[in-house]
């Protein structure tokens, strides 16, 4: 009975991997928000290891999805470089210096123990709540913000890069839900260009973050390759759907789903 349950969970994990790619291809973000919970709760992978696996899966998947945007000229190279360099520096510091300093057990009481895994999953749940608010609110306010004329703000983009690099390094999230608003609001990029640029930034950040993690982890390459292949299939589907469906329509709905997931994870890790 236990074996059958585990098999069903793994099948559910592979099915969910398709939606990781679809989310990235359709709205340029949200894939990493799904990846870590899928790895932890469906594949049973340790949360710390799952953050590293997430970086590889999201990085390769985003790179595959970015090619179609590059071919169509929907990538702002300068923005990707300005955003990417400080972001990569923050990822390196977080993965190589900060994350190894966190003890395996932070503190415990007779009824509750806070481990490194609980901390990371709780932080990830909070990130999901922030992401859901951004997605839901953005669906309502995007038109108003894009009508406001502001000068280019590359220094602010650098600060955003450092912030998102820290987030990426700590919890294995690509940060597309933060990158796209920054590109749209600060640089006034069209939505499709912001999505394409976001995919390039996410792919570079995530893959370098994974490389920085390699000395500290043991990788199940077979499992990682299978999940990544399925996610790539999903991003190709999502990229095709993005030409037929306006991602801005789906983003608020996806935001409500992420909100529910974030609340569930927070309750599972802390309240229960």
C-alpha atoms as a PDB file:
ATOM      1  CA  UNK A   1       0.000   0.000   0.000  1.00  0.00           C
ATOM      2  CA  UNK A   2       2.836   2.373   0.919  1.00  0.00           C
ATOM      3  CA  UNK A   3       4.641   1.546  -2.332  1.00  0.00           C
ATOM      4  CA  UNK A   4       1.517   2.306  -4.364  1.00  0.00           C
ATOM      5  CA  UNK A   5       1.106   5.649  -2.583  1.00  0.00           C
ATOM      6  CA  UNK A   6       4.720   6.571  -3.275  1.00  0.00           C
ATOM      7  CA  UNK A   7       4.304   5.598  -6.937  1.00  0.00           C
ATOM      8  CA  UNK A   8       1.200   7.794  -7.218  1.00  0.00           C
ATOM      9  CA  UNK A   9       3.069  10.716  -5.654  1.00  0.00           C
ATOM     10  CA  UNK A  10       5.925  10.333  -8.146  1.00  0.00           C
ATOM     11  CA  UNK A  11       3.484  10.202 -11.079  1.00  0.00           C
ATOM     12  CA  UNK A  12       1.789  13.322  -9.703  1.00  0.00           C
ATOM     13  CA  UNK A  13       5.223  14.949  -9.463  1.00  0.00           C
ATOM     14  CA  UNK A  14       5.986  14.294 -13.122  1.00  0.00           C
ATOM     15  CA  UNK A  15       2.562  15.646 -14.136  1.00  0.00           C
ATOM     16  CA  UNK A  16       3.138  18.751 -12.026  1.00  0.00           C
ATOM     17  CA  UNK A  17       6.514  19.218 -13.745  1.00  0.00           C
ATOM     18  CA  UNK A  18       4.655  19.994 -16.974  1.00  0.00           C
ATOM     19  CA  UNK A  19       2.990  22.956 -15.270  1.00  0.00           C
ATOM     20  CA  UNK A  20       6.362  24.278 -14.089  1.00  0.00           C
ATOM     21  CA  UNK A  21       7.304  24.773 -17.739  1.00  0.00           C
ATOM     22  CA  UNK A  22       3.873  25.987 -18.846  1.00  0.00           C
ATOM     23  CA  UNK A  23       3.943  28.701 -16.188  1.00  0.00           C
ATOM     24  CA  UNK A  24       7.388  29.902 -17.271  1.00  0.00           C
ATOM     25  CA  UNK A  25       6.460  29.882 -20.958  1.00  0.00           C
ATOM     26  CA  UNK A  26       3.093  31.557 -20.509  1.00  0.00           C
ATOM     27  CA  UNK A  27       3.723  34.271 -17.922  1.00  0.00           C
ATOM     28  CA  UNK A  28       7.534  34.364 -17.629  1.00  0.00           C
ATOM     29  CA  UNK A  29       7.579  33.368 -13.956  1.00  0.00           C
ATOM     30  CA  UNK A  30       6.010  31.169 -11.338  1.00  0.00           C
ATOM     31  CA  UNK A  31       7.858  28.021 -12.390  1.00  0.00           C
ATOM     32  CA  UNK A  32      10.225  28.051  -9.427  1.00  0.00           C
ATOM     33  CA  UNK A  33       7.297  28.742  -7.099  1.00  0.00           C
ATOM     34  CA  UNK A  34       5.998  25.302  -8.092  1.00  0.00           C
ATOM     35  CA  UNK A  35       9.317  23.470  -8.383  1.00  0.00           C
ATOM     36  CA  UNK A  36      10.447  23.347  -4.757  1.00  0.00           C
ATOM     37  CA  UNK A  37       7.060  22.155  -3.355  1.00  0.00           C
ATOM     38  CA  UNK A  38       6.857  19.532  -6.118  1.00  0.00           C
ATOM     39  CA  UNK A  39      10.340  18.237  -5.282  1.00  0.00           C
ATOM     40  CA  UNK A  40       9.767  18.224  -1.507  1.00  0.00           C
ATOM     41  CA  UNK A  41       6.177  16.997  -1.197  1.00  0.00           C
ATOM     42  CA  UNK A  42       5.762  14.785  -4.272  1.00  0.00           C
ATOM     43  CA  UNK A  43       9.288  13.420  -4.833  1.00  0.00           C
ATOM     44  CA  UNK A  44      10.265  13.409  -1.139  1.00  0.00           C
ATOM     45  CA  UNK A  45      13.520  15.321  -1.618  1.00  0.00           C
ATOM     46  CA  UNK A  46      15.168  17.122   1.301  1.00  0.00           C
ATOM     47  CA  UNK A  47      14.295  20.865   1.237  1.00  0.00           C
ATOM     48  CA  UNK A  48      17.929  22.026   1.138  1.00  0.00           C
ATOM     49  CA  UNK A  49      18.705  19.703  -1.779  1.00  0.00           C
ATOM     50  CA  UNK A  50      15.412  20.687  -3.439  1.00  0.00           C
ATOM     51  CA  UNK A  51      16.510  24.339  -3.613  1.00  0.00           C
ATOM     52  CA  UNK A  52      19.580  23.260  -5.604  1.00  0.00           C
ATOM     53  CA  UNK A  53      17.585  20.916  -7.859  1.00  0.00           C
ATOM     54  CA  UNK A  54      15.094  23.714  -8.461  1.00  0.00           C
ATOM     55  CA  UNK A  55      17.878  25.963  -9.728  1.00  0.00           C
ATOM     56  CA  UNK A  56      18.901  23.372 -12.335  1.00  0.00           C
ATOM     57  CA  UNK A  57      15.359  22.568 -13.484  1.00  0.00           C
ATOM     58  CA  UNK A  58      14.255  26.197 -13.730  1.00  0.00           C
ATOM     59  CA  UNK A  59      17.573  27.263 -15.288  1.00  0.00           C
ATOM     60  CA  UNK A  60      17.557  24.701 -18.104  1.00  0.00           C
ATOM     61  CA  UNK A  61      13.822  25.127 -18.710  1.00  0.00           C
ATOM     62  CA  UNK A  62      14.065  28.927 -18.857  1.00  0.00           C
ATOM     63  CA  UNK A  63      17.050  28.718 -21.212  1.00  0.00           C
ATOM     64  CA  UNK A  64      15.071  26.467 -23.561  1.00  0.00           C
ATOM     65  CA  UNK A  65      12.104  28.822 -23.469  1.00  0.00           C
ATOM     66  CA  UNK A  66      14.169  31.960 -24.047  1.00  0.00           C
ATOM     67  CA  UNK A  67      15.317  30.901 -27.535  1.00  0.00           C
ATOM     68  CA  UNK A  68      11.975  31.685 -29.178  1.00  0.00           C
ATOM     69  CA  UNK A  69      11.952  35.121 -27.524  1.00  0.00           C
ATOM     70  CA  UNK A  70      15.520  35.789 -28.691  1.00  0.00           C
ATOM     71  CA  UNK A  71      14.613  34.842 -32.262  1.00  0.00           C
ATOM     72  CA  UNK A  72      11.692  37.286 -32.188  1.00  0.00           C
ATOM     73  CA  UNK A  73      13.782  40.104 -30.710  1.00  0.00           C
ATOM     74  CA  UNK A  74      11.823  40.071 -27.448  1.00  0.00           C
ATOM     75  CA  UNK A  75      14.898  40.194 -25.170  1.00  0.00           C
ATOM     76  CA  UNK A  76      16.430  43.443 -23.857  1.00  0.00           C
ATOM     77  CA  UNK A  77      20.126  42.466 -23.677  1.00  0.00           C
ATOM     78  CA  UNK A  78      21.294  45.547 -21.762  1.00  0.00           C
ATOM     79  CA  UNK A  79      18.640  45.074 -19.085  1.00  0.00           C
ATOM     80  CA  UNK A  80      19.566  41.396 -18.773  1.00  0.00           C
ATOM     81  CA  UNK A  81      23.243  42.301 -18.228  1.00  0.00           C
ATOM     82  CA  UNK A  82      22.566  45.170 -15.783  1.00  0.00           C
ATOM     83  CA  UNK A  83      20.175  42.986 -13.825  1.00  0.00           C
ATOM     84  CA  UNK A  84      22.159  39.771 -14.151  1.00  0.00           C
ATOM     85  CA  UNK A  85      25.658  40.723 -12.949  1.00  0.00           C
ATOM     86  CA  UNK A  86      24.716  41.936  -9.431  1.00  0.00           C
ATOM     87  CA  UNK A  87      22.188  39.129  -9.198  1.00  0.00           C
ATOM     88  CA  UNK A  88      24.824  36.462  -9.904  1.00  0.00           C
ATOM     89  CA  UNK A  89      27.162  38.040  -7.325  1.00  0.00           C
ATOM     90  CA  UNK A  90      24.395  37.852  -4.707  1.00  0.00           C
ATOM     91  CA  UNK A  91      23.647  34.225  -5.636  1.00  0.00           C
ATOM     92  CA  UNK A  92      27.297  33.242  -5.254  1.00  0.00           C
ATOM     93  CA  UNK A  93      27.536  34.881  -1.827  1.00  0.00           C
ATOM     94  CA  UNK A  94      24.294  33.264  -0.652  1.00  0.00           C
ATOM     95  CA  UNK A  95      24.976  29.721  -1.900  1.00  0.00           C
ATOM     96  CA  UNK A  96      28.707  29.635  -1.109  1.00  0.00           C
ATOM     97  CA  UNK A  97      28.820  31.629   2.138  1.00  0.00           C
ATOM     98  CA  UNK A  98      25.435  32.240   3.754  1.00  0.00           C
ATOM     99  CA  UNK A  99      23.554  28.956   3.240  1.00  0.00           C
ATOM    100  CA  UNK A 100      26.341  26.685   4.633  1.00  0.00           C
ATOM    101  CA  UNK A 101      26.405  28.820   7.809  1.00  0.00           C
ATOM    102  CA  UNK A 102      22.786  27.975   8.690  1.00  0.00           C
ATOM    103  CA  UNK A 103      22.860  25.087  11.228  1.00  0.00           C
ATOM    104  CA  UNK A 104      20.886  21.908  10.563  1.00  0.00           C
ATOM    105  CA  UNK A 105      18.889  22.520  13.749  1.00  0.00           C
ATOM    106  CA  UNK A 106      18.201  26.117  14.760  1.00  0.00           C
ATOM    107  CA  UNK A 107      16.311  25.469  18.003  1.00  0.00           C
ATOM    108  CA  UNK A 108      13.854  23.036  19.515  1.00  0.00           C
ATOM    109  CA  UNK A 109      11.222  22.719  22.238  1.00  0.00           C
ATOM    110  CA  UNK A 110       9.552  19.578  23.620  1.00  0.00           C
ATOM    111  CA  UNK A 111       6.787  19.977  21.023  1.00  0.00           C
ATOM    112  CA  UNK A 112       8.487  21.664  18.088  1.00  0.00           C
ATOM    113  CA  UNK A 113      11.828  21.640  16.283  1.00  0.00           C
ATOM    114  CA  UNK A 114      13.012  24.192  13.746  1.00  0.00           C
ATOM    115  CA  UNK A 115      15.474  22.639  11.322  1.00  0.00           C
ATOM    116  CA  UNK A 116      17.227  24.142   8.344  1.00  0.00           C
ATOM    117  CA  UNK A 117      14.667  22.465   6.067  1.00  0.00           C
ATOM    118  CA  UNK A 118      11.720  23.884   8.036  1.00  0.00           C
ATOM    119  CA  UNK A 119      13.273  27.358   7.875  1.00  0.00           C
ATOM    120  CA  UNK A 120      13.797  27.207   4.099  1.00  0.00           C
ATOM    121  CA  UNK A 121      10.300  25.873   3.408  1.00  0.00           C
ATOM    122  CA  UNK A 122       8.768  28.508   5.697  1.00  0.00           C
ATOM    123  CA  UNK A 123      10.705  31.249   3.920  1.00  0.00           C
ATOM    124  CA  UNK A 124       9.586  29.771   0.634  1.00  0.00           C
ATOM    125  CA  UNK A 125       5.954  29.843   1.789  1.00  0.00           C
ATOM    126  CA  UNK A 126       6.285  33.517   2.720  1.00  0.00           C
ATOM    127  CA  UNK A 127       7.813  34.141  -0.709  1.00  0.00           C
ATOM    128  CA  UNK A 128       4.808  32.438  -2.292  1.00  0.00           C
ATOM    129  CA  UNK A 129       2.455  34.741  -0.381  1.00  0.00           C
ATOM    130  CA  UNK A 130       4.401  37.785  -1.618  1.00  0.00           C
ATOM    131  CA  UNK A 131       4.413  36.373  -5.144  1.00  0.00           C
ATOM    132  CA  UNK A 132       0.673  35.737  -5.081  1.00  0.00           C
ATOM    133  CA  UNK A 133      -0.008  39.320  -4.004  1.00  0.00           C
ATOM    134  CA  UNK A 134       2.233  40.608  -6.806  1.00  0.00           C
ATOM    135  CA  UNK A 135       0.469  38.452  -9.393  1.00  0.00           C
ATOM    136  CA  UNK A 136      -3.055  39.280  -8.241  1.00  0.00           C
ATOM    137  CA  UNK A 137      -2.426  43.007  -7.772  1.00  0.00           C
ATOM    138  CA  UNK A 138      -0.428  43.287 -10.967  1.00  0.00           C
ATOM    139  CA  UNK A 139      -3.321  41.936 -12.972  1.00  0.00           C
ATOM    140  CA  UNK A 140      -5.396  44.864 -11.721  1.00  0.00           C
ATOM    141  CA  UNK A 141      -2.828  47.653 -11.752  1.00  0.00           C
ATOM    142  CA  UNK A 142      -0.502  46.889 -14.665  1.00  0.00           C
ATOM    143  CA  UNK A 143      -2.249  49.145 -17.184  1.00  0.00           C
ATOM    144  CA  UNK A 144      -2.185  52.099 -14.778  1.00  0.00           C
ATOM    145  CA  UNK A 145       1.549  51.705 -14.083  1.00  0.00           C
ATOM    146  CA  UNK A 146       2.504  51.312 -17.717  1.00  0.00           C
ATOM    147  CA  UNK A 147       0.744  54.556 -18.592  1.00  0.00           C
ATOM    148  CA  UNK A 148       2.957  56.463 -16.149  1.00  0.00           C
ATOM    149  CA  UNK A 149       6.039  57.870 -17.873  1.00  0.00           C
ATOM    150  CA  UNK A 150       9.240  57.533 -15.841  1.00  0.00           C
ATOM    151  CA  UNK A 151      12.911  57.791 -16.829  1.00  0.00           C
ATOM    152  CA  UNK A 152      15.116  54.721 -17.088  1.00  0.00           C
ATOM    153  CA  UNK A 153      16.247  53.642 -13.647  1.00  0.00           C
ATOM    154  CA  UNK A 154      19.183  51.289 -14.064  1.00  0.00           C
ATOM    155  CA  UNK A 155      20.583  51.929 -10.541  1.00  0.00           C
ATOM    156  CA  UNK A 156      17.282  50.680  -9.102  1.00  0.00           C
ATOM    157  CA  UNK A 157      17.507  47.702 -11.448  1.00  0.00           C
ATOM    158  CA  UNK A 158      20.912  46.849  -9.960  1.00  0.00           C
ATOM    159  CA  UNK A 159      19.423  46.898  -6.445  1.00  0.00           C
ATOM    160  CA  UNK A 160      16.562  44.680  -7.642  1.00  0.00           C
ATOM    161  CA  UNK A 161      19.174  42.310  -9.076  1.00  0.00           C
ATOM    162  CA  UNK A 162      20.934  42.004  -5.716  1.00  0.00           C
ATOM    163  CA  UNK A 163      17.630  41.386  -3.918  1.00  0.00           C
ATOM    164  CA  UNK A 164      16.454  38.713  -6.353  1.00  0.00           C
ATOM    165  CA  UNK A 165      19.891  37.098  -6.413  1.00  0.00           C
ATOM    166  CA  UNK A 166      19.692  36.676  -2.646  1.00  0.00           C
ATOM    167  CA  UNK A 167      16.220  35.163  -2.928  1.00  0.00           C
ATOM    168  CA  UNK A 168      17.334  32.828  -5.722  1.00  0.00           C
ATOM    169  CA  UNK A 169      20.376  31.648  -3.804  1.00  0.00           C
ATOM    170  CA  UNK A 170      18.515  31.075  -0.552  1.00  0.00           C
ATOM    171  CA  UNK A 171      15.312  29.294  -1.613  1.00  0.00           C
ATOM    172  CA  UNK A 172      15.997  28.240  -5.215  1.00  0.00           C
ATOM    173  CA  UNK A 173      13.378  30.565  -6.747  1.00  0.00           C
ATOM    174  CA  UNK A 174      14.143  32.243 -10.076  1.00  0.00           C
ATOM    175  CA  UNK A 175      12.241  35.368  -9.074  1.00  0.00           C
ATOM    176  CA  UNK A 176      10.353  35.966 -12.313  1.00  0.00           C
ATOM    177  CA  UNK A 177       7.414  37.406 -10.395  1.00  0.00           C
ATOM    178  CA  UNK A 178       9.796  40.171  -9.156  1.00  0.00           C
ATOM    179  CA  UNK A 179      11.884  40.543 -12.322  1.00  0.00           C
ATOM    180  CA  UNK A 180       8.984  41.232 -14.693  1.00  0.00           C
ATOM    181  CA  UNK A 181       7.439  44.086 -12.637  1.00  0.00           C
ATOM    182  CA  UNK A 182      10.904  45.673 -12.349  1.00  0.00           C
ATOM    183  CA  UNK A 183      11.446  45.523 -16.122  1.00  0.00           C
ATOM    184  CA  UNK A 184       7.959  46.841 -16.893  1.00  0.00           C
ATOM    185  CA  UNK A 185       7.798  49.574 -14.268  1.00  0.00           C
ATOM    186  CA  UNK A 186      11.416  50.798 -14.266  1.00  0.00           C
ATOM    187  CA  UNK A 187      12.355  50.401 -17.949  1.00  0.00           C
ATOM    188  CA  UNK A 188       8.878  50.505 -19.537  1.00  0.00           C
ATOM    189  CA  UNK A 189       9.525  47.314 -21.507  1.00  0.00           C
ATOM    190  CA  UNK A 190       6.567  45.782 -23.378  1.00  0.00           C
ATOM    191  CA  UNK A 191       5.157  42.730 -21.609  1.00  0.00           C
ATOM    192  CA  UNK A 192       6.460  40.171 -24.120  1.00  0.00           C
ATOM    193  CA  UNK A 193       9.961  41.717 -24.007  1.00  0.00           C
ATOM    194  CA  UNK A 194       9.844  41.692 -20.201  1.00  0.00           C
ATOM    195  CA  UNK A 195       8.898  37.996 -20.253  1.00  0.00           C
ATOM    196  CA  UNK A 196      11.703  37.121 -22.690  1.00  0.00           C
ATOM    197  CA  UNK A 197      14.275  39.143 -20.758  1.00  0.00           C
ATOM    198  CA  UNK A 198      13.070  37.566 -17.516  1.00  0.00           C
ATOM    199  CA  UNK A 199      13.626  34.073 -18.916  1.00  0.00           C
ATOM    200  CA  UNK A 200      17.215  34.945 -19.898  1.00  0.00           C
ATOM    201  CA  UNK A 201      17.936  36.387 -16.439  1.00  0.00           C
ATOM    202  CA  UNK A 202      16.296  33.442 -14.664  1.00  0.00           C
ATOM    203  CA  UNK A 203      18.242  30.905 -16.737  1.00  0.00           C
ATOM    204  CA  UNK A 204      21.616  32.583 -16.045  1.00  0.00           C
ATOM    205  CA  UNK A 205      20.907  33.106 -12.346  1.00  0.00           C
ATOM    206  CA  UNK A 206      19.549  29.619 -11.743  1.00  0.00           C
ATOM    207  CA  UNK A 207      22.243  27.695 -13.626  1.00  0.00           C
ATOM    208  CA  UNK A 208      25.074  29.619 -11.989  1.00  0.00           C
ATOM    209  CA  UNK A 209      23.389  29.143  -8.630  1.00  0.00           C
ATOM    210  CA  UNK A 210      23.289  25.394  -9.273  1.00  0.00           C
ATOM    211  CA  UNK A 211      26.981  25.371 -10.202  1.00  0.00           C
ATOM    212  CA  UNK A 212      27.808  27.205  -6.966  1.00  0.00           C
ATOM    213  CA  UNK A 213      25.869  24.486  -5.093  1.00  0.00           C
ATOM    214  CA  UNK A 214      27.557  21.464  -6.695  1.00  0.00           C
ATOM    215  CA  UNK A 215      30.452  21.176  -4.205  1.00  0.00           C
ATOM    216  CA  UNK A 216      27.933  20.826  -1.357  1.00  0.00           C
ATOM    217  CA  UNK A 217      25.405  18.335  -2.766  1.00  0.00           C
ATOM    218  CA  UNK A 218      25.030  14.839  -4.224  1.00  0.00           C
ATOM    219  CA  UNK A 219      22.932  14.886  -7.409  1.00  0.00           C
ATOM    220  CA  UNK A 220      20.501  12.212  -8.648  1.00  0.00           C
ATOM    221  CA  UNK A 221      21.123  13.040 -12.302  1.00  0.00           C
ATOM    222  CA  UNK A 222      18.573  10.576 -13.674  1.00  0.00           C
ATOM    223  CA  UNK A 223      15.686  12.024 -11.686  1.00  0.00           C
ATOM    224  CA  UNK A 224      16.842  15.582 -12.304  1.00  0.00           C
ATOM    225  CA  UNK A 225      17.109  15.002 -16.076  1.00  0.00           C
ATOM    226  CA  UNK A 226      13.639  13.407 -16.251  1.00  0.00           C
ATOM    227  CA  UNK A 227      11.930  16.270 -14.402  1.00  0.00           C
ATOM    228  CA  UNK A 228      13.819  18.854 -16.468  1.00  0.00           C
ATOM    229  CA  UNK A 229      12.879  17.188 -19.764  1.00  0.00           C
ATOM    230  CA  UNK A 230       9.192  17.201 -18.803  1.00  0.00           C
ATOM    231  CA  UNK A 231       9.413  20.843 -17.679  1.00  0.00           C
ATOM    232  CA  UNK A 232      11.019  21.782 -21.025  1.00  0.00           C
ATOM    233  CA  UNK A 233       8.086  20.143 -22.786  1.00  0.00           C
ATOM    234  CA  UNK A 234       5.842  22.300 -20.632  1.00  0.00           C
ATOM    235  CA  UNK A 235       7.648  25.543 -21.470  1.00  0.00           C
ATOM    236  CA  UNK A 236       7.365  24.805 -25.183  1.00  0.00           C
ATOM    237  CA  UNK A 237       3.630  24.338 -24.672  1.00  0.00           C
ATOM    238  CA  UNK A 238       3.494  27.549 -22.628  1.00  0.00           C
ATOM    239  CA  UNK A 239       5.445  29.521 -25.246  1.00  0.00           C
ATOM    240  CA  UNK A 240       3.007  28.367 -27.912  1.00  0.00           C
ATOM    241  CA  UNK A 241       0.012  29.222 -25.732  1.00  0.00           C
ATOM    242  CA  UNK A 242       1.472  32.692 -25.073  1.00  0.00           C
ATOM    243  CA  UNK A 243       0.818  33.509 -28.746  1.00  0.00           C
ATOM    244  CA  UNK A 244      -2.829  32.486 -28.350  1.00  0.00           C
ATOM    245  CA  UNK A 245      -3.658  33.530 -24.762  1.00  0.00           C
ATOM    246  CA  UNK A 246      -2.857  36.776 -22.972  1.00  0.00           C
ATOM    247  CA  UNK A 247      -0.759  35.781 -19.969  1.00  0.00           C
ATOM    248  CA  UNK A 248      -2.013  38.851 -18.085  1.00  0.00           C
ATOM    249  CA  UNK A 249      -5.450  37.246 -17.967  1.00  0.00           C
ATOM    250  CA  UNK A 250      -4.131  34.053 -16.390  1.00  0.00           C
ATOM    251  CA  UNK A 251      -1.673  35.679 -13.960  1.00  0.00           C
ATOM    252  CA  UNK A 252      -4.258  36.685 -11.301  1.00  0.00           C
ATOM    253  CA  UNK A 253      -5.783  33.182 -11.365  1.00  0.00           C
ATOM    254  CA  UNK A 254      -2.327  31.643 -10.985  1.00  0.00           C
ATOM    255  CA  UNK A 255      -1.712  34.105  -8.143  1.00  0.00           C
ATOM    256  CA  UNK A 256      -4.686  32.757  -6.195  1.00  0.00           C
ATOM    257  CA  UNK A 257      -3.368  29.208  -6.679  1.00  0.00           C
ATOM    258  CA  UNK A 258       0.078  30.248  -5.398  1.00  0.00           C
ATOM    259  CA  UNK A 259      -1.589  31.942  -2.413  1.00  0.00           C
ATOM    260  CA  UNK A 260      -3.380  28.705  -1.478  1.00  0.00           C
ATOM    261  CA  UNK A 261      -0.144  26.722  -1.859  1.00  0.00           C
ATOM    262  CA  UNK A 262       1.778  29.187   0.296  1.00  0.00           C
ATOM    263  CA  UNK A 263      -0.783  29.013   3.101  1.00  0.00           C
ATOM    264  CA  UNK A 264      -0.761  25.191   2.936  1.00  0.00           C
ATOM    265  CA  UNK A 265       3.038  24.968   3.156  1.00  0.00           C
ATOM    266  CA  UNK A 266       3.207  27.467   6.010  1.00  0.00           C
ATOM    267  CA  UNK A 267       0.590  25.511   7.972  1.00  0.00           C
ATOM    268  CA  UNK A 268       2.335  22.214   7.246  1.00  0.00           C
ATOM    269  CA  UNK A 269       5.776  23.439   8.307  1.00  0.00           C
ATOM    270  CA  UNK A 270       4.857  25.598  11.308  1.00  0.00           C
ATOM    271  CA  UNK A 271       1.287  25.284  12.521  1.00  0.00           C
ATOM    272  CA  UNK A 272       0.890  21.504  12.324  1.00  0.00           C
END
